N, C-alpha and C. Protein backbone atom coordinates (compact mmCIF):
# COMPACT_ATOMS: atom_id res chain seq x y z
N MET A 1 110.35 93.04 106.49
CA MET A 1 109.17 93.71 105.93
C MET A 1 108.89 93.15 104.53
N SER A 2 107.65 92.74 104.28
CA SER A 2 107.29 92.25 102.97
C SER A 2 106.59 93.31 102.21
N TYR A 3 107.01 93.35 100.89
CA TYR A 3 106.44 94.43 100.05
C TYR A 3 106.08 93.87 98.72
N SER A 4 104.95 94.28 98.17
CA SER A 4 104.54 93.89 96.86
C SER A 4 104.13 95.14 96.09
N ALA A 5 104.72 95.43 95.07
CA ALA A 5 104.41 96.58 94.23
C ALA A 5 102.97 96.53 93.65
N PRO A 6 102.25 97.67 93.58
CA PRO A 6 100.88 97.59 93.06
C PRO A 6 100.91 97.21 91.61
N GLU A 7 99.90 96.45 91.15
CA GLU A 7 99.79 96.06 89.77
C GLU A 7 98.74 96.90 89.02
N GLN A 8 97.71 97.43 89.83
CA GLN A 8 96.70 98.24 89.24
C GLN A 8 95.99 99.04 90.35
N PHE A 9 95.30 100.03 89.96
CA PHE A 9 94.44 100.84 90.87
C PHE A 9 93.04 100.86 90.30
N ALA A 10 92.04 100.63 91.18
CA ALA A 10 90.67 100.71 90.70
C ALA A 10 89.98 102.00 91.13
N ASN A 11 88.95 102.38 90.41
CA ASN A 11 88.10 103.56 90.70
C ASN A 11 88.95 104.78 90.91
N VAL A 12 89.69 105.14 89.82
CA VAL A 12 90.54 106.34 89.82
C VAL A 12 90.12 107.32 88.76
N THR A 13 90.50 108.53 88.95
CA THR A 13 90.37 109.61 87.92
C THR A 13 91.81 109.83 87.46
N VAL A 14 92.00 109.87 86.15
CA VAL A 14 93.31 109.99 85.57
C VAL A 14 93.37 111.32 84.76
N ALA A 15 94.37 112.15 84.94
CA ALA A 15 94.55 113.32 84.15
C ALA A 15 95.09 112.92 82.80
N CYS A 16 94.43 113.33 81.69
CA CYS A 16 94.90 112.92 80.40
C CYS A 16 96.24 113.60 79.96
N LYS A 17 96.35 114.79 80.40
CA LYS A 17 97.64 115.56 80.06
C LYS A 17 98.77 115.02 80.94
N ALA A 18 99.86 114.62 80.27
CA ALA A 18 101.02 114.12 80.97
C ALA A 18 101.78 115.28 81.54
N ASN A 19 102.51 114.93 82.67
CA ASN A 19 103.55 115.83 83.23
C ASN A 19 104.83 115.46 82.56
N ILE A 20 105.48 116.39 81.87
CA ILE A 20 106.69 116.06 81.11
C ILE A 20 107.80 116.98 81.65
N TYR A 21 108.86 116.31 82.03
CA TYR A 21 110.05 116.97 82.67
C TYR A 21 111.31 116.61 81.89
N PHE A 22 112.30 117.51 81.98
CA PHE A 22 113.62 117.27 81.47
C PHE A 22 113.62 116.77 79.99
N ASP A 23 112.92 117.57 79.16
CA ASP A 23 112.87 117.33 77.70
C ASP A 23 112.30 115.90 77.43
N GLY A 24 111.34 115.45 78.19
CA GLY A 24 110.67 114.20 77.93
C GLY A 24 111.40 113.01 78.52
N LYS A 25 112.45 113.23 79.32
CA LYS A 25 113.10 112.10 79.95
C LYS A 25 112.45 111.55 81.18
N VAL A 26 111.51 112.35 81.73
CA VAL A 26 110.65 111.90 82.85
C VAL A 26 109.24 112.32 82.49
N VAL A 27 108.38 111.30 82.48
CA VAL A 27 106.94 111.51 82.08
C VAL A 27 106.03 110.81 83.11
N SER A 28 105.01 111.50 83.56
CA SER A 28 104.07 110.89 84.51
C SER A 28 102.65 111.31 84.19
N HIS A 29 101.69 110.62 84.76
CA HIS A 29 100.32 110.94 84.76
C HIS A 29 99.80 110.96 86.17
N ALA A 30 98.95 111.93 86.43
CA ALA A 30 98.38 112.09 87.79
C ALA A 30 97.12 111.29 87.99
N LEU A 31 96.94 110.65 89.10
CA LEU A 31 95.84 109.87 89.47
C LEU A 31 95.16 110.37 90.74
N THR A 32 93.86 110.42 90.82
CA THR A 32 93.17 110.66 92.09
C THR A 32 92.35 109.44 92.44
N LEU A 33 92.63 108.82 93.56
CA LEU A 33 91.89 107.65 93.98
C LEU A 33 90.57 108.00 94.62
N ALA A 34 89.67 107.01 94.74
CA ALA A 34 88.32 107.28 95.24
C ALA A 34 88.34 107.91 96.63
N ASP A 35 89.38 107.66 97.44
CA ASP A 35 89.46 108.29 98.76
C ASP A 35 90.05 109.70 98.77
N GLY A 36 90.34 110.19 97.52
CA GLY A 36 90.92 111.51 97.39
C GLY A 36 92.47 111.60 97.39
N SER A 37 93.12 110.47 97.70
CA SER A 37 94.55 110.48 97.72
C SER A 37 95.12 110.61 96.26
N LYS A 38 96.31 111.18 96.16
CA LYS A 38 96.89 111.48 94.86
C LYS A 38 98.16 110.63 94.68
N LYS A 39 98.31 110.23 93.40
CA LYS A 39 99.51 109.48 93.02
C LYS A 39 99.89 109.91 91.57
N THR A 40 101.15 109.64 91.20
CA THR A 40 101.50 109.71 89.85
C THR A 40 102.10 108.37 89.37
N LEU A 41 101.92 108.01 88.14
CA LEU A 41 102.55 106.88 87.53
C LEU A 41 103.47 107.39 86.48
N GLY A 42 104.77 106.91 86.48
CA GLY A 42 105.68 107.50 85.54
C GLY A 42 106.77 106.66 85.05
N LEU A 43 107.53 107.17 84.12
CA LEU A 43 108.68 106.57 83.46
C LEU A 43 109.81 107.51 83.59
N ILE A 44 111.00 106.97 83.92
CA ILE A 44 112.24 107.77 83.95
C ILE A 44 113.25 107.09 83.02
N PHE A 45 113.59 107.85 81.94
CA PHE A 45 114.58 107.40 81.01
C PHE A 45 115.96 107.68 81.47
N PRO A 46 116.99 107.06 80.89
CA PRO A 46 118.37 107.30 81.38
C PRO A 46 118.72 108.74 81.52
N GLY A 47 119.39 109.06 82.63
CA GLY A 47 119.86 110.38 82.94
C GLY A 47 119.91 110.60 84.46
N SER A 48 120.29 111.86 84.77
CA SER A 48 120.36 112.27 86.14
C SER A 48 119.43 113.48 86.37
N PHE A 49 118.60 113.43 87.39
CA PHE A 49 117.52 114.40 87.63
C PHE A 49 117.42 114.75 89.11
N LYS A 50 116.97 115.97 89.34
CA LYS A 50 116.73 116.46 90.72
C LYS A 50 115.28 116.92 90.81
N PHE A 51 114.60 116.46 91.84
CA PHE A 51 113.25 116.83 92.06
C PHE A 51 113.04 117.43 93.43
N ASP A 52 112.34 118.55 93.52
CA ASP A 52 112.01 119.18 94.77
C ASP A 52 110.62 118.61 95.25
N THR A 53 110.40 118.57 96.55
CA THR A 53 109.18 118.04 97.09
C THR A 53 108.53 119.11 97.89
N ALA A 54 107.21 119.21 97.80
CA ALA A 54 106.38 120.02 98.69
C ALA A 54 105.89 119.21 99.80
N ALA A 55 105.08 118.17 99.49
CA ALA A 55 104.57 117.21 100.45
C ALA A 55 105.51 116.04 100.54
N PRO A 56 105.42 115.18 101.59
CA PRO A 56 106.18 113.93 101.61
C PRO A 56 105.77 113.03 100.49
N GLU A 57 106.69 112.29 99.95
CA GLU A 57 106.44 111.34 98.81
C GLU A 57 107.04 109.98 99.10
N ARG A 58 106.34 109.00 98.62
CA ARG A 58 106.85 107.63 98.61
C ARG A 58 106.99 107.23 97.17
N MET A 59 108.21 106.87 96.74
CA MET A 59 108.49 106.43 95.34
C MET A 59 108.64 104.99 95.30
N GLU A 60 107.71 104.25 94.72
CA GLU A 60 107.79 102.85 94.57
C GLU A 60 108.31 102.51 93.15
N ILE A 61 109.41 101.72 93.05
CA ILE A 61 109.95 101.39 91.76
C ILE A 61 109.23 100.09 91.33
N ILE A 62 108.57 100.20 90.19
CA ILE A 62 107.67 99.17 89.71
C ILE A 62 108.45 98.26 88.75
N ALA A 63 109.37 98.88 87.93
CA ALA A 63 110.21 98.12 87.00
C ALA A 63 111.48 98.90 86.76
N GLY A 64 112.55 98.20 86.34
CA GLY A 64 113.81 98.80 86.15
C GLY A 64 114.53 99.07 87.44
N GLU A 65 115.56 99.97 87.39
CA GLU A 65 116.25 100.26 88.56
C GLU A 65 116.85 101.73 88.47
N CYS A 66 117.23 102.20 89.66
CA CYS A 66 117.78 103.55 89.74
C CYS A 66 118.67 103.69 90.94
N ARG A 67 119.36 104.81 91.05
CA ARG A 67 120.09 105.17 92.23
C ARG A 67 119.58 106.54 92.70
N VAL A 68 119.49 106.68 94.04
CA VAL A 68 118.84 107.88 94.62
C VAL A 68 119.77 108.44 95.73
N ARG A 69 119.81 109.72 95.77
CA ARG A 69 120.44 110.43 96.89
C ARG A 69 119.40 111.49 97.46
N LEU A 70 119.07 111.29 98.74
CA LEU A 70 118.18 112.19 99.39
C LEU A 70 118.92 113.42 99.87
N ALA A 71 118.19 114.56 100.01
CA ALA A 71 118.79 115.80 100.44
C ALA A 71 119.52 115.61 101.77
N GLY A 72 120.73 116.16 101.85
CA GLY A 72 121.46 116.10 103.08
C GLY A 72 122.20 114.78 103.34
N GLN A 73 122.06 113.86 102.38
CA GLN A 73 122.81 112.55 102.57
C GLN A 73 123.88 112.46 101.42
N GLY A 74 124.97 111.94 101.77
CA GLY A 74 126.07 111.90 100.81
C GLY A 74 126.10 110.61 99.96
N ASP A 75 125.41 109.57 100.43
CA ASP A 75 125.51 108.30 99.72
C ASP A 75 124.41 108.08 98.73
N TRP A 76 124.74 107.50 97.62
CA TRP A 76 123.76 107.10 96.61
C TRP A 76 123.27 105.69 97.03
N ILE A 77 121.95 105.39 96.95
CA ILE A 77 121.43 104.11 97.33
C ILE A 77 120.69 103.51 96.08
N GLY A 78 120.93 102.28 95.77
CA GLY A 78 120.28 101.64 94.60
C GLY A 78 118.89 101.11 94.95
N PHE A 79 117.97 101.26 94.01
CA PHE A 79 116.61 100.70 94.18
C PHE A 79 116.22 99.97 92.90
N ALA A 80 115.69 98.80 93.09
CA ALA A 80 115.30 97.95 91.95
C ALA A 80 113.77 97.77 92.03
N ALA A 81 113.22 97.13 91.02
CA ALA A 81 111.80 96.84 91.01
C ALA A 81 111.43 96.09 92.25
N GLY A 82 110.22 96.59 92.83
CA GLY A 82 109.72 96.00 94.10
C GLY A 82 110.34 96.64 95.34
N THR A 83 111.01 97.79 95.20
CA THR A 83 111.46 98.48 96.39
C THR A 83 110.98 99.91 96.37
N TRP A 84 111.15 100.65 97.46
CA TRP A 84 110.60 101.94 97.54
C TRP A 84 111.47 102.85 98.45
N PHE A 85 111.33 104.15 98.37
CA PHE A 85 112.05 105.07 99.25
C PHE A 85 111.08 106.25 99.58
N ASP A 86 111.27 106.79 100.71
CA ASP A 86 110.50 107.96 101.14
C ASP A 86 111.31 109.25 101.15
N VAL A 87 110.63 110.34 100.72
CA VAL A 87 111.25 111.67 100.65
C VAL A 87 110.44 112.60 101.51
N PRO A 88 111.08 113.33 102.45
CA PRO A 88 110.30 114.31 103.28
C PRO A 88 109.76 115.43 102.43
N GLY A 89 108.77 116.11 102.99
CA GLY A 89 108.26 117.27 102.35
C GLY A 89 109.20 118.41 102.44
N ASN A 90 109.03 119.39 101.59
CA ASN A 90 109.94 120.59 101.57
C ASN A 90 111.44 120.12 101.50
N SER A 91 111.72 119.24 100.65
CA SER A 91 113.08 118.67 100.54
C SER A 91 113.37 118.46 99.04
N PHE A 92 114.25 117.56 98.74
CA PHE A 92 114.55 117.18 97.39
C PHE A 92 115.25 115.84 97.31
N PHE A 93 115.31 115.25 96.16
CA PHE A 93 116.03 114.02 95.90
C PHE A 93 116.62 114.09 94.54
N GLU A 94 117.75 113.39 94.33
CA GLU A 94 118.33 113.27 93.07
C GLU A 94 118.20 111.71 92.66
N ILE A 95 117.95 111.50 91.36
CA ILE A 95 117.75 110.15 90.88
C ILE A 95 118.49 109.99 89.61
N VAL A 96 119.21 108.78 89.45
CA VAL A 96 119.90 108.46 88.29
C VAL A 96 119.40 107.14 87.73
N VAL A 97 119.15 107.08 86.43
CA VAL A 97 118.81 105.86 85.77
C VAL A 97 119.99 105.66 84.75
N GLU A 98 120.72 104.63 84.89
CA GLU A 98 121.88 104.36 84.06
C GLU A 98 121.48 103.77 82.70
N SER A 99 120.55 102.89 82.64
CA SER A 99 120.10 102.28 81.35
C SER A 99 118.65 101.76 81.56
N GLY A 100 118.05 101.56 80.41
CA GLY A 100 116.67 101.07 80.40
C GLY A 100 115.73 102.18 80.89
N ILE A 101 114.63 101.73 81.44
CA ILE A 101 113.57 102.71 81.95
C ILE A 101 113.18 102.32 83.34
N ALA A 102 113.18 103.19 84.28
CA ALA A 102 112.65 102.96 85.59
C ALA A 102 111.18 103.43 85.63
N GLU A 103 110.30 102.51 85.97
CA GLU A 103 108.87 102.83 86.10
C GLU A 103 108.58 102.98 87.59
N TYR A 104 107.70 103.96 87.95
CA TYR A 104 107.40 104.25 89.30
C TYR A 104 105.99 104.61 89.60
N VAL A 105 105.56 104.44 90.82
CA VAL A 105 104.34 105.00 91.36
C VAL A 105 104.78 105.94 92.50
N CYS A 106 104.33 107.20 92.51
CA CYS A 106 104.69 108.14 93.56
C CYS A 106 103.38 108.46 94.32
N SER A 107 103.43 108.25 95.63
CA SER A 107 102.26 108.61 96.52
C SER A 107 102.59 109.86 97.31
N PHE A 108 101.63 110.74 97.39
CA PHE A 108 101.84 112.02 98.10
C PHE A 108 101.09 112.03 99.44
N GLY A 109 101.70 112.77 100.36
CA GLY A 109 101.04 113.00 101.68
C GLY A 109 101.72 112.30 102.73
C-alpha cells in the first residue's frame, strides 16, 4: 500500500482557539473541510498520553515519531512520519513521544 501524508488542505474553516491538553504538551486546531468532514492538526511534545475516542479516528503522523498502544492490545507499535494508525470509536489509545515533536493530522468518522 502506498501512502503520502497530506501537505495542505484547501477550502477549510479553521477554529482559531486551540485544543490544549496535558498542560500544553498536546495542542491541536480543528478544521472543517468543504465537504463537512472534520480533522485536527496537532503537535505532541515528549511524554505519555491517553486519549479516549467517540468516533473512529485515523491518526496520520506527518513529522517526528511516536509509539502507540490501542485499547485491548498489549504491544506498543512505532509510527514514523508518513505512517498512520486507526482507532475504533468508543475506545482509547495511548501514545508516547520519546523526543522531539510528533506532528499529526487526525481524521474523524
